[in-house]
Amino acid sequence: MPEIYVDADACPVKPEILKVAERHDLPVTFVANSGLRPSRDPKVKNVIVSGAFDAADDWISERCGEGDIVVTADVPLAGRCVAAGALVTGPTGRIFDTANIGMATAMRDLGAHLRETGDSKGYNAAFSPRDRSAFLETLDRLCRRVKK
């Protein structure tokens, strides 16, 4: 059965994930380095990993695969999950796939370089209602796709 894995630390769309997962009767696993609010839903599992660097990323990438959905804003994790065959989306509804993960990685690395050299302040746009709406649409579409 397909599963939704969530890189839950600082994920702004947890309620939306639960809503869509319930509609499609899919299990959800939230993975984080710190505490998560427990759920009474038996299809929702919380996994707390160690505080080690990339522990949540390692946990998700080792378990996701063909037919699963991963929600993350972390481009390196997205790349690992795409390579494992999972469908991957960010919290803004951006899809990561084999066609665009290379460019997404390159842009992330360029941004990091510009921040390190002081050529960029590294400000990100605020999460908007439009982002939330795009995410809901994307996740619903991915859920329908994995259930076929």
Protein backbone atom coordinates (compact mmCIF):
# COMPACT_ATOMS: atom_id res chain seq x y z
CA MET A 1 0.00 0.00 0.00
CA PRO A 2 1.29 3.47 -0.81
CA GLU A 3 2.38 5.60 2.12
CA ILE A 4 2.96 9.31 2.63
CA TYR A 5 6.26 10.16 4.33
CA VAL A 6 6.67 13.68 5.72
CA ASP A 7 9.89 15.47 6.59
CA ALA A 8 8.01 16.99 9.51
CA ASP A 9 10.50 19.40 11.10
CA ALA A 10 9.20 22.87 10.17
CA CYS A 11 6.63 21.43 7.73
CA PRO A 12 3.92 24.10 7.31
CA VAL A 13 1.30 21.79 5.73
CA LYS A 14 0.79 19.00 8.30
CA PRO A 15 -2.99 19.60 8.66
CA GLU A 16 -3.40 19.59 4.88
CA ILE A 17 -1.50 16.30 4.60
CA LEU A 18 -3.79 14.70 7.17
CA LYS A 19 -6.89 15.98 5.41
CA VAL A 20 -5.85 14.64 1.98
CA ALA A 21 -4.54 11.35 3.39
CA GLU A 22 -7.82 10.73 5.21
CA ARG A 23 -9.79 11.42 2.03
CA HIS A 24 -7.70 8.86 0.15
CA ASP A 25 -7.37 6.42 3.08
CA LEU A 26 -3.55 6.48 2.95
CA PRO A 27 -1.21 6.03 5.92
CA VAL A 28 1.03 8.94 6.91
CA THR A 29 4.37 8.84 8.69
CA PHE A 30 5.69 12.10 10.13
CA VAL A 31 9.45 11.96 10.74
CA ALA A 32 11.15 14.60 12.89
CA ASN A 33 14.10 15.26 15.17
CA SER A 34 11.86 16.70 17.88
CA GLY A 35 8.41 16.18 19.36
CA LEU A 36 5.29 15.88 17.28
CA ARG A 37 1.66 16.18 18.30
CA PRO A 38 0.24 12.65 18.64
CA SER A 39 -2.73 11.58 16.56
CA ARG A 40 -5.57 9.24 17.47
CA ASP A 41 -5.80 8.13 13.85
CA PRO A 42 -4.28 4.64 13.54
CA LYS A 43 -3.11 5.50 10.03
CA VAL A 44 -0.88 8.31 11.34
CA LYS A 45 2.49 7.38 12.76
CA ASN A 46 5.05 9.71 14.35
CA VAL A 47 8.72 8.78 14.23
CA ILE A 48 11.22 10.74 16.31
CA VAL A 49 14.78 10.17 15.13
CA SER A 50 18.01 11.19 16.81
CA GLY A 51 19.21 14.77 16.61
CA ALA A 52 22.04 13.67 14.31
CA PHE A 53 22.50 15.62 11.10
CA ASP A 54 20.20 14.25 8.36
CA ALA A 55 18.76 11.52 10.63
CA ALA A 56 15.19 12.22 9.46
CA ASP A 57 16.34 12.35 5.84
CA ASP A 58 18.14 9.02 6.20
CA TRP A 59 15.11 7.40 7.82
CA ILE A 60 12.75 8.53 5.05
CA SER A 61 15.07 7.78 2.14
CA GLU A 62 15.77 4.26 3.45
CA ARG A 63 12.07 3.40 3.57
CA CYS A 64 10.36 5.20 0.71
CA GLY A 65 10.07 3.62 -2.69
CA GLU A 66 7.98 3.10 -5.79
CA GLY A 67 4.39 4.17 -5.17
CA ASP A 68 5.09 6.21 -2.03
CA ILE A 69 4.74 9.97 -1.67
CA VAL A 70 7.29 12.12 0.14
CA VAL A 71 6.66 15.69 1.32
CA THR A 72 9.83 17.71 1.87
CA ALA A 73 11.36 21.09 1.16
CA ASP A 74 14.83 19.55 1.43
CA VAL A 75 16.26 19.25 -2.10
CA PRO A 76 18.95 16.64 -1.28
CA LEU A 77 16.32 14.45 0.41
CA ALA A 78 14.02 14.97 -2.56
CA GLY A 79 16.80 13.74 -4.84
CA ARG A 80 17.34 10.59 -2.78
CA CYS A 81 13.60 9.86 -2.75
CA VAL A 82 13.19 10.46 -6.49
CA ALA A 83 16.08 8.02 -7.05
CA ALA A 84 14.21 5.48 -4.89
CA GLY A 85 11.14 5.82 -7.13
CA ALA A 86 8.93 7.88 -4.81
CA LEU A 87 6.74 10.77 -5.90
CA VAL A 88 8.03 13.91 -4.20
CA THR A 89 6.48 17.31 -3.56
CA GLY A 90 7.48 20.32 -1.54
CA PRO A 91 5.10 22.18 0.79
CA THR A 92 4.45 24.76 -1.95
CA GLY A 93 3.23 22.06 -4.34
CA ARG A 94 6.45 21.95 -6.30
CA ILE A 95 7.01 18.50 -7.81
CA PHE A 96 10.49 16.99 -7.75
CA ASP A 97 11.07 14.32 -10.39
CA THR A 98 13.79 12.88 -12.60
CA ALA A 99 13.32 15.71 -15.11
CA ASN A 100 13.97 18.56 -12.67
CA ILE A 101 15.86 17.26 -9.64
CA GLY A 102 19.25 18.00 -11.22
CA MET A 103 18.34 21.65 -11.81
CA ALA A 104 16.79 21.95 -8.35
CA THR A 105 20.01 20.62 -6.81
CA ALA A 106 22.16 22.97 -8.89
CA MET A 107 20.04 26.00 -7.91
CA ARG A 108 20.20 25.00 -4.25
CA ASP A 109 23.97 24.71 -4.43
CA LEU A 110 24.26 28.05 -6.23
CA GLY A 111 22.10 29.73 -3.60
CA ALA A 112 24.25 28.27 -0.82
CA HIS A 113 27.39 29.51 -2.55
CA LEU A 114 25.96 33.02 -2.97
CA ARG A 115 24.96 33.14 0.70
CA GLU A 116 28.44 32.00 1.76
CA THR A 117 30.13 34.70 -0.33
CA GLY A 118 27.76 37.38 0.92
CA ASP A 119 26.34 38.05 -2.56
CA SER A 120 22.88 37.01 -1.38
CA LYS A 121 21.11 37.57 1.91
CA GLY A 122 19.20 34.29 1.43
CA TYR A 123 15.72 35.60 2.15
CA ASN A 124 12.93 33.23 1.20
CA ALA A 125 9.45 34.30 0.23
CA ALA A 126 6.85 33.90 2.97
CA PHE A 127 4.61 30.84 2.80
CA SER A 128 1.34 32.07 1.28
CA PRO A 129 -2.27 30.92 0.98
CA ARG A 130 -1.54 30.37 -2.72
CA ASP A 131 1.30 27.97 -1.75
CA ARG A 132 -1.05 26.08 0.58
CA SER A 133 -3.67 25.78 -2.16
CA ALA A 134 -1.10 24.60 -4.72
CA PHE A 135 0.15 22.01 -2.25
CA LEU A 136 -3.35 20.66 -1.59
CA GLU A 137 -3.98 20.30 -5.31
CA THR A 138 -0.62 18.61 -5.93
CA LEU A 139 -0.92 16.17 -3.01
CA ASP A 140 -4.45 15.21 -4.01
CA ARG A 141 -3.28 14.55 -7.59
CA LEU A 142 -0.33 12.44 -6.36
CA CYS A 143 -2.61 10.42 -4.06
CA ARG A 144 -4.98 9.66 -6.94
CA ARG A 145 -1.98 8.64 -9.03
CA VAL A 146 -0.55 6.17 -6.51
CA LYS A 147 -3.94 4.57 -5.88
CA LYS A 148 -4.41 3.61 -9.56
